[in-house]
C-alpha atoms as a PDB file:
ATOM      1  CA  MET A   1       4.549 100.412 112.696  1.00  0.00           C
ATOM      2  CA  LYS A   2       5.213 103.385 114.961  1.00  0.00           C
ATOM      3  CA  ILE A   3       7.529 103.133 117.960  1.00  0.00           C
ATOM      4  CA  LEU A   4       7.803 105.727 120.730  1.00  0.00           C
ATOM      5  CA  THR A   5      10.864 105.742 122.992  1.00  0.00           C
ATOM      6  CA  ILE A   6      11.212 107.615 126.269  1.00  0.00           C
ATOM      7  CA  ALA A   7      14.368 109.643 126.932  1.00  0.00           C
ATOM      8  CA  GLU A   8      15.775 110.156 130.427  1.00  0.00           C
ATOM      9  CA  GLN A   9      17.409 113.252 131.881  1.00  0.00           C
ATOM     10  CA  LYS A  10      18.641 114.207 135.317  1.00  0.00           C
ATOM     11  CA  GLU A  11      19.151 117.810 136.335  1.00  0.00           C
ATOM     12  CA  ASN A  12      18.666 118.778 132.672  1.00  0.00           C
ATOM     13  CA  GLN A  13      21.491 116.477 131.593  1.00  0.00           C
ATOM     14  CA  LEU A  14      20.566 113.855 129.009  1.00  0.00           C
ATOM     15  CA  ALA A  15      21.340 110.303 130.166  1.00  0.00           C
ATOM     16  CA  ASN A  16      23.241 108.243 127.588  1.00  0.00           C
ATOM     17  CA  ILE A  17      20.850 105.419 128.424  1.00  0.00           C
ATOM     18  CA  SER A  18      18.318 107.304 126.281  1.00  0.00           C
ATOM     19  CA  PHE A  19      20.049 106.181 123.083  1.00  0.00           C
ATOM     20  CA  GLU A  20      19.572 102.451 123.727  1.00  0.00           C
ATOM     21  CA  PRO A  21      15.749 102.429 123.320  1.00  0.00           C
ATOM     22  CA  ILE A  22      16.203 104.352 120.052  1.00  0.00           C
ATOM     23  CA  GLY A  23      18.703 101.733 118.887  1.00  0.00           C
ATOM     24  CA  ALA A  24      16.276  98.955 119.807  1.00  0.00           C
ATOM     25  CA  ALA A  25      13.425 100.718 117.992  1.00  0.00           C
ATOM     26  CA  LYS A  26      15.482 101.258 114.835  1.00  0.00           C
ATOM     27  CA  SER A  27      16.439  97.570 114.766  1.00  0.00           C
ATOM     28  CA  LEU A  28      12.738  96.679 114.580  1.00  0.00           C
ATOM     29  CA  GLY A  29      12.019  99.027 111.694  1.00  0.00           C
ATOM     30  CA  GLY A  30       9.141 101.419 111.218  1.00  0.00           C
ATOM     31  CA  GLU A  31       8.744 105.029 112.307  1.00  0.00           C
ATOM     32  CA  VAL A  32      10.770 105.963 115.403  1.00  0.00           C
ATOM     33  CA  CYS A  33       9.962 108.920 117.627  1.00  0.00           C
ATOM     34  CA  THR A  34      11.169 109.963 121.073  1.00  0.00           C
ATOM     35  CA  ALA A  35       9.607 111.880 123.954  1.00  0.00           C
ATOM     36  CA  LEU A  36      11.772 114.237 126.010  1.00  0.00           C
ATOM     37  CA  LEU A  37      10.464 115.826 129.210  1.00  0.00           C
ATOM     38  CA  ALA A  38      12.764 118.391 130.808  1.00  0.00           C
ATOM     39  CA  GLY A  39      12.926 121.719 132.562  1.00  0.00           C
ATOM     40  CA  ASN A  40      15.353 123.203 130.065  1.00  0.00           C
ATOM     41  CA  GLY A  41      15.818 121.747 126.601  1.00  0.00           C
ATOM     42  CA  GLY A  42      19.380 122.831 125.916  1.00  0.00           C
ATOM     43  CA  ASP A  43      20.880 120.565 123.264  1.00  0.00           C
ATOM     44  CA  MET A  44      19.164 117.413 124.515  1.00  0.00           C
ATOM     45  CA  ALA A  45      16.465 117.330 121.839  1.00  0.00           C
ATOM     46  CA  ALA A  46      19.015 117.986 119.086  1.00  0.00           C
ATOM     47  CA  ARG A  47      21.234 115.126 120.328  1.00  0.00           C
ATOM     48  CA  LEU A  48      18.264 112.761 120.240  1.00  0.00           C
ATOM     49  CA  ALA A  49      17.196 113.953 116.785  1.00  0.00           C
ATOM     50  CA  ALA A  50      20.723 113.295 115.512  1.00  0.00           C
ATOM     51  CA  LYS A  51      19.994 109.590 116.004  1.00  0.00           C
ATOM     52  CA  GLY A  52      17.321 109.789 113.301  1.00  0.00           C
ATOM     53  CA  ALA A  53      14.238 110.058 115.510  1.00  0.00           C
ATOM     54  CA  LYS A  54      11.475 112.640 115.613  1.00  0.00           C
ATOM     55  CA  VAL A  55      11.658 114.235 119.069  1.00  0.00           C
ATOM     56  CA  PHE A  56       8.556 115.448 120.885  1.00  0.00           C
ATOM     57  CA  ALA A  57      10.112 117.998 123.247  1.00  0.00           C
ATOM     58  CA  PHE A  58       8.073 118.873 126.363  1.00  0.00           C
ATOM     59  CA  ILE A  59      10.003 121.675 128.046  1.00  0.00           C
ATOM     60  CA  HIS A  60       8.640 123.248 131.223  1.00  0.00           C
ATOM     61  CA  PRO A  61      10.249 124.336 134.536  1.00  0.00           C
ATOM     62  CA  ASP A  62       8.036 121.872 136.451  1.00  0.00           C
ATOM     63  CA  LEU A  63       9.528 118.978 134.470  1.00  0.00           C
ATOM     64  CA  ARG A  64      13.074 119.477 135.662  1.00  0.00           C
ATOM     65  CA  TYR A  65      12.726 116.702 138.244  1.00  0.00           C
ATOM     66  CA  PHE A  66      11.266 113.314 137.471  1.00  0.00           C
ATOM     67  CA  HIS A  67       7.688 112.901 138.693  1.00  0.00           C
ATOM     68  CA  ASP A  68       6.052 109.669 137.579  1.00  0.00           C
ATOM     69  CA  GLU A  69       2.472 110.983 137.858  1.00  0.00           C
ATOM     70  CA  ALA A  70       3.057 114.199 135.887  1.00  0.00           C
ATOM     71  CA  TYR A  71       5.292 112.476 133.332  1.00  0.00           C
ATOM     72  CA  ALA A  72       2.733 109.681 132.847  1.00  0.00           C
ATOM     73  CA  ARG A  73      -0.115 112.146 132.311  1.00  0.00           C
ATOM     74  CA  ILE A  74       1.810 113.996 129.615  1.00  0.00           C
ATOM     75  CA  LEU A  75       2.923 110.811 127.892  1.00  0.00           C
ATOM     76  CA  LYS A  76      -0.574 109.309 128.055  1.00  0.00           C
ATOM     77  CA  ALA A  77      -1.894 112.336 126.142  1.00  0.00           C
ATOM     78  CA  LEU A  78       0.930 111.970 123.601  1.00  0.00           C
ATOM     79  CA  ILE A  79       0.221 108.255 123.147  1.00  0.00           C
ATOM     80  CA  ASP A  80      -3.492 108.904 122.675  1.00  0.00           C
ATOM     81  CA  ARG A  81      -2.636 111.397 119.935  1.00  0.00           C
ATOM     82  CA  GLU A  82       0.209 109.609 118.138  1.00  0.00           C
ATOM     83  CA  LYS A  83      -1.055 106.038 118.654  1.00  0.00           C
ATOM     84  CA  PRO A  84       2.287 104.182 118.703  1.00  0.00           C
ATOM     85  CA  ASP A  85       2.277 100.382 118.463  1.00  0.00           C
ATOM     86  CA  ILE A  86       5.194 100.018 120.881  1.00  0.00           C
ATOM     87  CA  VAL A  87       6.564 102.201 123.690  1.00  0.00           C
ATOM     88  CA  ILE A  88      10.142 101.512 124.817  1.00  0.00           C
ATOM     89  CA  GLY A  89      11.914 102.845 127.907  1.00  0.00           C
ATOM     90  CA  SER A  90      14.890 101.865 130.033  1.00  0.00           C
ATOM     91  CA  ALA A  91      14.670  99.497 133.001  1.00  0.00           C
ATOM     92  CA  THR A  92      16.181 102.088 135.336  1.00  0.00           C
ATOM     93  CA  PHE A  93      14.711 103.330 138.614  1.00  0.00           C
ATOM     94  CA  TYR A  94      12.865 106.076 136.735  1.00  0.00           C
ATOM     95  CA  GLY A  95      11.913 103.908 133.786  1.00  0.00           C
ATOM     96  CA  LYS A  96      10.418 101.125 135.886  1.00  0.00           C
ATOM     97  CA  ALA A  97       8.269 103.538 137.876  1.00  0.00           C
ATOM     98  CA  LEU A  98       7.089 105.450 134.817  1.00  0.00           C
ATOM     99  CA  MET A  99       6.440 102.625 132.361  1.00  0.00           C
ATOM    100  CA  ALA A 100       4.399 100.500 134.774  1.00  0.00           C
ATOM    101  CA  ARG A 101       2.135 103.460 135.542  1.00  0.00           C
ATOM    102  CA  LEU A 102       1.899 104.358 131.855  1.00  0.00           C
ATOM    103  CA  ALA A 103       0.989 100.799 130.822  1.00  0.00           C
ATOM    104  CA  ALA A 104      -1.782 100.766 133.430  1.00  0.00           C
ATOM    105  CA  LEU A 105      -3.142 104.134 132.250  1.00  0.00           C
ATOM    106  CA  CYS A 106      -3.185 102.991 128.618  1.00  0.00           C
ATOM    107  CA  GLY A 107      -4.396  99.456 129.294  1.00  0.00           C
ATOM    108  CA  GLY A 108      -1.424  97.942 127.485  1.00  0.00           C
ATOM    109  CA  GLY A 109       0.638  94.836 128.125  1.00  0.00           C
ATOM    110  CA  MET A 110       4.134  95.231 129.528  1.00  0.00           C
ATOM    111  CA  ALA A 111       7.429  93.345 129.310  1.00  0.00           C
ATOM    112  CA  SER A 112      10.054  94.562 131.776  1.00  0.00           C
ATOM    113  CA  ASP A 113      13.840  94.284 132.018  1.00  0.00           C
ATOM    114  CA  CYS A 114      14.198  92.839 128.505  1.00  0.00           C
ATOM    115  CA  THR A 115      17.533  91.873 126.964  1.00  0.00           C
ATOM    116  CA  GLY A 116      16.410  91.319 123.380  1.00  0.00           C
ATOM    117  CA  LEU A 117      13.737  92.365 120.878  1.00  0.00           C
ATOM    118  CA  THR A 118      12.913  90.642 117.584  1.00  0.00           C
ATOM    119  CA  MET A 119      10.348  91.152 114.844  1.00  0.00           C
ATOM    120  CA  ASP A 120       8.627  88.407 112.848  1.00  0.00           C
ATOM    121  CA  GLY A 121       5.275  87.693 111.242  1.00  0.00           C
ATOM    122  CA  ASN A 122       3.607  87.560 114.649  1.00  0.00           C
ATOM    123  CA  GLY A 123       4.851  90.995 115.653  1.00  0.00           C
ATOM    124  CA  VAL A 124       7.428  92.006 118.248  1.00  0.00           C
ATOM    125  CA  THR A 125       8.782  89.450 120.696  1.00  0.00           C
ATOM    126  CA  ALA A 126      10.477  90.694 123.863  1.00  0.00           C
ATOM    127  CA  ARG A 127      13.002  88.403 125.551  1.00  0.00           C
ATOM    128  CA  ARG A 128      13.559  88.698 129.285  1.00  0.00           C
ATOM    129  CA  PRO A 129      15.517  86.608 131.805  1.00  0.00           C
ATOM    130  CA  ALA A 130      13.828  84.889 134.746  1.00  0.00           C
ATOM    131  CA  TYR A 131      14.817  82.703 137.682  1.00  0.00           C
ATOM    132  CA  GLY A 132      18.215  84.281 138.020  1.00  0.00           C
ATOM    133  CA  GLY A 133      18.942  84.137 134.305  1.00  0.00           C
ATOM    134  CA  ASN A 134      18.444  80.358 134.107  1.00  0.00           C
ATOM    135  CA  LEU A 135      15.350  80.744 131.912  1.00  0.00           C
ATOM    136  CA  PHE A 136      14.225  83.262 129.308  1.00  0.00           C
ATOM    137  CA  PHE A 137      10.637  84.259 128.583  1.00  0.00           C
ATOM    138  CA  ALA A 138       9.445  85.270 125.104  1.00  0.00           C
ATOM    139  CA  LEU A 139       6.634  87.814 125.498  1.00  0.00           C
ATOM    140  CA  GLN A 140       4.234  89.206 122.896  1.00  0.00           C
ATOM    141  CA  ASN A 141       1.400  91.717 123.064  1.00  0.00           C
ATOM    142  CA  ASN A 142      -2.083  90.266 122.579  1.00  0.00           C
ATOM    143  CA  SER A 143      -4.117  93.462 122.871  1.00  0.00           C
ATOM    144  CA  SER A 144      -4.847  96.403 120.607  1.00  0.00           C
ATOM    145  CA  ALA A 145      -3.241  98.790 123.102  1.00  0.00           C
ATOM    146  CA  PRO A 146       0.468  99.664 122.787  1.00  0.00           C
ATOM    147  CA  PHE A 147       3.090  97.153 123.934  1.00  0.00           C
ATOM    148  CA  PHE A 148       5.167  98.709 126.733  1.00  0.00           C
ATOM    149  CA  ILE A 149       8.743  97.468 127.030  1.00  0.00           C
ATOM    150  CA  THR A 150      11.659  98.361 129.289  1.00  0.00           C
ATOM    151  CA  ILE A 151      15.120  97.203 128.256  1.00  0.00           C
ATOM    152  CA  ARG A 152      17.936  96.377 130.640  1.00  0.00           C
ATOM    153  CA  PRO A 153      20.673  99.036 130.551  1.00  0.00           C
ATOM    154  CA  LYS A 154      23.697  98.022 128.465  1.00  0.00           C
ATOM    155  CA  ALA A 155      21.885  94.961 127.076  1.00  0.00           C
ATOM    156  CA  LEU A 156      21.362  96.470 123.608  1.00  0.00           C
ATOM    157  CA  PRO A 157      23.544  98.832 121.544  1.00  0.00           C
ATOM    158  CA  GLU A 158      22.985 102.568 121.412  1.00  0.00           C
ATOM    159  CA  ALA A 159      21.543 104.079 118.247  1.00  0.00           C
ATOM    160  CA  SER A 160      24.041 105.361 115.731  1.00  0.00           C
ATOM    161  CA  ASP A 161      23.616 108.741 114.071  1.00  0.00           C
ATOM    162  CA  GLY A 162      21.062 108.782 111.280  1.00  0.00           C
ATOM    163  CA  ALA A 163      19.094 111.015 108.944  1.00  0.00           C
ATOM    164  CA  GLY A 164      15.461 111.991 109.235  1.00  0.00           C
ATOM    165  CA  GLY A 165      15.487 113.302 112.781  1.00  0.00           C
ATOM    166  CA  ALA A 166      13.620 116.452 113.759  1.00  0.00           C
ATOM    167  CA  VAL A 167      12.567 118.320 116.893  1.00  0.00           C
ATOM    168  CA  ALA A 168       8.875 119.064 117.459  1.00  0.00           C
ATOM    169  CA  PRO A 169       8.322 121.497 120.376  1.00  0.00           C
ATOM    170  CA  GLU A 170       5.245 120.532 122.401  1.00  0.00           C
ATOM    171  CA  THR A 171       2.949 122.548 124.646  1.00  0.00           C
ATOM    172  CA  VAL A 172       2.701 121.387 128.269  1.00  0.00           C
ATOM    173  CA  HIS A 173      -0.890 121.928 129.374  1.00  0.00           C
ATOM    174  CA  PRO A 174      -1.145 123.191 132.989  1.00  0.00           C
ATOM    175  CA  ALA A 175      -3.895 120.679 133.800  1.00  0.00           C
ATOM    176  CA  LEU A 176      -1.441 117.813 133.263  1.00  0.00           C
ATOM    177  CA  LEU A 177       0.884 119.296 135.881  1.00  0.00           C
ATOM    178  CA  ALA A 178      -1.846 119.591 138.532  1.00  0.00           C
ATOM    179  CA  VAL A 179      -0.534 116.740 140.693  1.00  0.00           C
ATOM    180  CA  LYS A 180      -0.855 116.326 144.460  1.00  0.00           C
ATOM    181  CA  ALA A 181       2.877 116.330 145.133  1.00  0.00           C
ATOM    182  CA  LYS A 182       5.734 118.263 143.574  1.00  0.00           C
ATOM    183  CA  VAL A 183       9.452 117.564 143.596  1.00  0.00           C
ATOM    184  CA  LYS A 184      11.290 120.710 144.752  1.00  0.00           C
ATOM    185  CA  ALA A 185      14.844 119.362 145.012  1.00  0.00           C
ATOM    186  CA  ARG A 186      16.908 116.262 144.406  1.00  0.00           C
ATOM    187  CA  ASN A 187      19.660 115.230 146.798  1.00  0.00           C
ATOM    188  CA  ALA A 188      21.938 112.483 145.488  1.00  0.00           C
ATOM    189  CA  GLU A 189      23.594 110.032 147.837  1.00  0.00           C
ATOM    190  CA  ALA A 190      27.295 110.649 148.291  1.00  0.00           C
ATOM    191  CA  GLY A 191      29.749 108.349 146.598  1.00  0.00           C
ATOM    192  CA  GLY A 192      27.803 107.634 143.435  1.00  0.00           C
ATOM    193  CA  ARG A 193      30.012 109.351 140.882  1.00  0.00           C
ATOM    194  CA  VAL A 194      29.439 106.629 138.289  1.00  0.00           C
ATOM    195  CA  SER A 195      25.991 105.044 138.060  1.00  0.00           C
ATOM    196  CA  LEU A 196      26.086 101.285 138.643  1.00  0.00           C
ATOM    197  CA  THR A 197      23.379 100.456 136.127  1.00  0.00           C
ATOM    198  CA  GLU A 198      24.828 102.664 133.377  1.00  0.00           C
ATOM    199  CA  ALA A 199      28.536 101.932 133.881  1.00  0.00           C
ATOM    200  CA  ASP A 200      30.672 100.163 131.266  1.00  0.00           C
ATOM    201  CA  ILE A 201      32.981  98.890 134.017  1.00  0.00           C
ATOM    202  CA  VAL A 202      32.035  97.794 137.550  1.00  0.00           C
ATOM    203  CA  VAL A 203      34.395  96.766 140.351  1.00  0.00           C
ATOM    204  CA  SER A 204      32.677  94.980 143.244  1.00  0.00           C
ATOM    205  CA  GLY A 205      33.961  93.825 146.613  1.00  0.00           C
ATOM    206  CA  GLY A 206      32.800  91.036 148.892  1.00  0.00           C
ATOM    207  CA  ARG A 207      33.458  89.568 152.329  1.00  0.00           C
ATOM    208  CA  GLY A 208      36.957  88.638 151.233  1.00  0.00           C
ATOM    209  CA  ILE A 209      38.091  92.220 151.888  1.00  0.00           C
ATOM    210  CA  ARG A 210      37.802  91.293 155.615  1.00  0.00           C
ATOM    211  CA  GLY A 211      36.610  94.643 156.920  1.00  0.00           C
ATOM    212  CA  PRO A 212      35.115  98.047 156.023  1.00  0.00           C
ATOM    213  CA  GLU A 213      38.494  99.738 156.282  1.00  0.00           C
ATOM    214  CA  ASN A 214      39.664  97.712 153.269  1.00  0.00           C
ATOM    215  CA  PHE A 215      36.842  98.741 150.945  1.00  0.00           C
ATOM    216  CA  LYS A 216      39.116 101.583 149.853  1.00  0.00           C
ATOM    217  CA  LEU A 217      40.995  98.943 147.789  1.00  0.00           C
ATOM    218  CA  ILE A 218      37.847  98.433 145.714  1.00  0.00           C
ATOM    219  CA  GLU A 219      37.340 102.189 145.349  1.00  0.00           C
ATOM    220  CA  GLU A 220      40.956 102.723 144.275  1.00  0.00           C
ATOM    221  CA  LEU A 221      40.776  99.970 141.652  1.00  0.00           C
ATOM    222  CA  ALA A 222      37.499 101.428 140.367  1.00  0.00           C
ATOM    223  CA  GLU A 223      39.018 104.924 140.254  1.00  0.00           C
ATOM    224  CA  SER A 224      41.961 103.663 138.181  1.00  0.00           C
ATOM    225  CA  LEU A 225      39.498 102.392 135.551  1.00  0.00           C
ATOM    226  CA  GLY A 226      36.860 105.112 135.772  1.00  0.00           C
ATOM    227  CA  ALA A 227      34.479 102.409 136.969  1.00  0.00           C
ATOM    228  CA  ALA A 228      31.416 102.229 139.200  1.00  0.00           C
ATOM    229  CA  VAL A 229      31.731 100.640 142.639  1.00  0.00           C
ATOM    230  CA  GLY A 230      29.644  97.612 143.576  1.00  0.00           C
ATOM    231  CA  ALA A 231      29.340  95.305 146.563  1.00  0.00           C
ATOM    232  CA  SER A 232      27.903  91.970 147.616  1.00  0.00           C
ATOM    233  CA  ARG A 233      24.896  91.749 149.915  1.00  0.00           C
ATOM    234  CA  ALA A 234      27.077  90.246 152.661  1.00  0.00           C
ATOM    235  CA  ILE A 235      29.120  93.403 153.204  1.00  0.00           C
ATOM    236  CA  VAL A 236      26.108  95.673 152.771  1.00  0.00           C
ATOM    237  CA  ASP A 237      24.239  93.737 155.481  1.00  0.00           C
ATOM    238  CA  ALA A 238      27.365  93.931 157.647  1.00  0.00           C
ATOM    239  CA  GLY A 239      27.299  97.719 157.353  1.00  0.00           C
ATOM    240  CA  TRP A 240      30.646  97.944 155.588  1.00  0.00           C
ATOM    241  CA  VAL A 241      29.219  99.882 152.627  1.00  0.00           C
ATOM    242  CA  GLN A 242      25.980 101.640 151.652  1.00  0.00           C
ATOM    243  CA  TYR A 243      23.081  99.770 150.048  1.00  0.00           C
ATOM    244  CA  MET A 244      23.337 101.959 146.944  1.00  0.00           C
ATOM    245  CA  HIS A 245      26.349  99.814 145.923  1.00  0.00           C
ATOM    246  CA  GLN A 246      24.652  96.422 146.290  1.00  0.00           C
ATOM    247  CA  VAL A 247      24.616  94.176 143.230  1.00  0.00           C
ATOM    248  CA  GLY A 248      22.384  91.118 143.178  1.00  0.00           C
ATOM    249  CA  GLN A 249      18.888  89.783 143.586  1.00  0.00           C
ATOM    250  CA  THR A 250      17.933  92.305 146.272  1.00  0.00           C
ATOM    251  CA  GLY A 251      20.167  95.047 144.882  1.00  0.00           C
ATOM    252  CA  LYS A 252      20.875  96.320 141.386  1.00  0.00           C
ATOM    253  CA  THR A 253      21.205  94.353 138.172  1.00  0.00           C
ATOM    254  CA  VAL A 254      24.203  95.419 136.102  1.00  0.00           C
ATOM    255  CA  ASN A 255      25.297  94.518 132.594  1.00  0.00           C
ATOM    256  CA  PRO A 256      28.676  96.202 132.013  1.00  0.00           C
ATOM    257  CA  LYS A 257      31.318  95.411 129.432  1.00  0.00           C
ATOM    258  CA  LEU A 258      33.673  94.469 132.289  1.00  0.00           C
ATOM    259  CA  TYR A 259      32.791  93.252 135.795  1.00  0.00           C
ATOM    260  CA  ILE A 260      35.591  92.686 138.315  1.00  0.00           C
ATOM    261  CA  ALA A 261      34.546  90.642 141.377  1.00  0.00           C
ATOM    262  CA  VAL A 262      37.013  90.952 144.243  1.00  0.00           C
ATOM    263  CA  GLY A 263      36.702  88.662 147.259  1.00  0.00           C
ATOM    264  CA  ILE A 264      33.217  87.543 146.192  1.00  0.00           C
ATOM    265  CA  SER A 265      32.506  83.820 146.510  1.00  0.00           C
ATOM    266  CA  GLY A 266      29.706  83.769 143.953  1.00  0.00           C
ATOM    267  CA  ALA A 267      26.464  83.085 145.805  1.00  0.00           C
ATOM    268  CA  VAL A 268      23.519  82.698 143.445  1.00  0.00           C
ATOM    269  CA  GLN A 269      21.903  85.870 144.859  1.00  0.00           C
ATOM    270  CA  HIS A 270      24.901  87.891 143.633  1.00  0.00           C
ATOM    271  CA  LEU A 271      25.226  86.101 140.288  1.00  0.00           C
ATOM    272  CA  VAL A 272      21.631  87.036 139.425  1.00  0.00           C
ATOM    273  CA  GLY A 273      22.637  90.683 139.339  1.00  0.00           C
ATOM    274  CA  MET A 274      25.810  90.462 137.223  1.00  0.00           C
ATOM    275  CA  ARG A 275      26.105  87.193 135.311  1.00  0.00           C
ATOM    276  CA  SER A 276      25.080  88.836 132.005  1.00  0.00           C
ATOM    277  CA  SER A 277      28.181  91.068 132.072  1.00  0.00           C
ATOM    278  CA  LYS A 278      30.186  90.824 128.843  1.00  0.00           C
ATOM    279  CA  THR A 279      33.496  89.990 130.550  1.00  0.00           C
ATOM    280  CA  ILE A 280      33.837  88.831 134.164  1.00  0.00           C
ATOM    281  CA  VAL A 281      37.130  88.842 136.044  1.00  0.00           C
ATOM    282  CA  ALA A 282      37.198  87.169 139.472  1.00  0.00           C
ATOM    283  CA  VAL A 283      39.867  87.655 142.128  1.00  0.00           C
ATOM    284  CA  ASN A 284      39.675  85.137 144.980  1.00  0.00           C
ATOM    285  CA  ARG A 285      42.149  83.093 146.976  1.00  0.00           C
ATOM    286  CA  ASP A 286      39.805  80.064 146.979  1.00  0.00           C
ATOM    287  CA  LYS A 287      40.294  78.246 143.671  1.00  0.00           C
ATOM    288  CA  ASP A 288      36.994  76.395 144.227  1.00  0.00           C
ATOM    289  CA  ALA A 289      34.893  79.553 144.694  1.00  0.00           C
ATOM    290  CA  PRO A 290      31.672  79.346 142.603  1.00  0.00           C
ATOM    291  CA  ILE A 291      32.426  82.727 141.007  1.00  0.00           C
ATOM    292  CA  PHE A 292      35.078  81.023 138.859  1.00  0.00           C
ATOM    293  CA  ASN A 293      32.374  78.908 137.187  1.00  0.00           C
ATOM    294  CA  ILE A 294      31.057  81.951 135.324  1.00  0.00           C
ATOM    295  CA  ALA A 295      34.234  84.071 135.189  1.00  0.00           C
ATOM    296  CA  THR A 296      35.832  84.826 131.835  1.00  0.00           C
ATOM    297  CA  TYR A 297      39.171  85.200 133.596  1.00  0.00           C
ATOM    298  CA  GLY A 298      40.107  84.118 137.100  1.00  0.00           C
ATOM    299  CA  ILE A 299      42.930  85.219 139.354  1.00  0.00           C
ATOM    300  CA  VAL A 300      43.624  82.900 142.294  1.00  0.00           C
ATOM    301  CA  GLY A 301      45.573  84.898 144.825  1.00  0.00           C
ATOM    302  CA  ASP A 302      45.599  87.265 147.785  1.00  0.00           C
ATOM    303  CA  LEU A 303      43.446  90.264 146.858  1.00  0.00           C
ATOM    304  CA  PHE A 304      45.574  92.478 149.118  1.00  0.00           C
ATOM    305  CA  GLU A 305      48.462  91.875 146.711  1.00  0.00           C
ATOM    306  CA  VAL A 306      46.568  91.479 143.435  1.00  0.00           C
ATOM    307  CA  VAL A 307      44.263  94.520 143.650  1.00  0.00           C
ATOM    308  CA  PRO A 308      46.926  97.182 144.377  1.00  0.00           C
ATOM    309  CA  ALA A 309      49.065  95.728 141.572  1.00  0.00           C
ATOM    310  CA  LEU A 310      46.165  95.912 139.137  1.00  0.00           C
ATOM    311  CA  ALA A 311      45.355  99.491 140.163  1.00  0.00           C
ATOM    312  CA  ARG A 312      48.986 100.560 139.641  1.00  0.00           C
ATOM    313  CA  LYS A 313      49.109  98.934 136.209  1.00  0.00           C
ATOM    314  CA  PHE A 314      45.808 100.453 135.098  1.00  0.00           C
ATOM    315  CA  ARG A 315      46.974 103.927 136.169  1.00  0.00           C
ATOM    316  CA  GLU A 316      50.135 103.500 134.090  1.00  0.00           C
ATOM    317  CA  ILE A 317      48.106 102.428 131.064  1.00  0.00           C
ATOM    318  CA  MET A 318      45.565 105.256 131.469  1.00  0.00           C
ATOM    319  CA  LYS A 319      48.213 108.007 131.631  1.00  0.00           C
END
């Protein structure tokens, strides 16, 4: 069995999320290879190869910025040549756009946002949550085309270092770059220092903060932990914070090691986006708030007293 994983880079900086598909592929066994598309290789290919995978390195100035059409064309040609049985990417903004297009081009089945992969006599089974995490689907490929899978960030462990890796420089044919639109620049939204979907720690605020002027409490607690900043839909809809921070059914799905919910009641729409977090800490003055039903630890108290105290303590510990 041959498995191809897709690495991600932004501004020629390798995303750590790239190591999780390799880890998932290695757990299934077989030959593991990785595709890297970038404007400047740097040490990215070598870092991927150190995980024990053969790296097909497509380096070209026009690949600096993600472009789903150009990337899909290049990867389609690679898949036609290498004939992998499975293609694994990350369920990020880029990964979702790319893998869906790639599956359509190759005529393969697709399982998205998966949280587990297993191998048995019937082949690979991909496990994905549905209906807000209340049910799980087991999906298998029933065609001869490759099985395309995206895995939820932080759901599976990163690959450890291993032997057998190598870098294979690839030629980027100009015809594959002849797309109708080109990305000339990328402007990131302000305030996103730590990516929500890739963060190990997320601190989110809800309506309990009482007003936009108090969202700084959430930001200060996040800063003390080196965490990403999240928010409930209620305060995003109220205009207290930008949509880029929204966690939930209509926002982003996160799966960090630690999720701190401050002033969030626990509506099902929010729980959908964070209930798979490894450890959940809830801070709310209402002891009957639904968030406590899924919290690992709960703090019943005034967030205006609890949050500053936590931030002070974390800063002392982190010194």
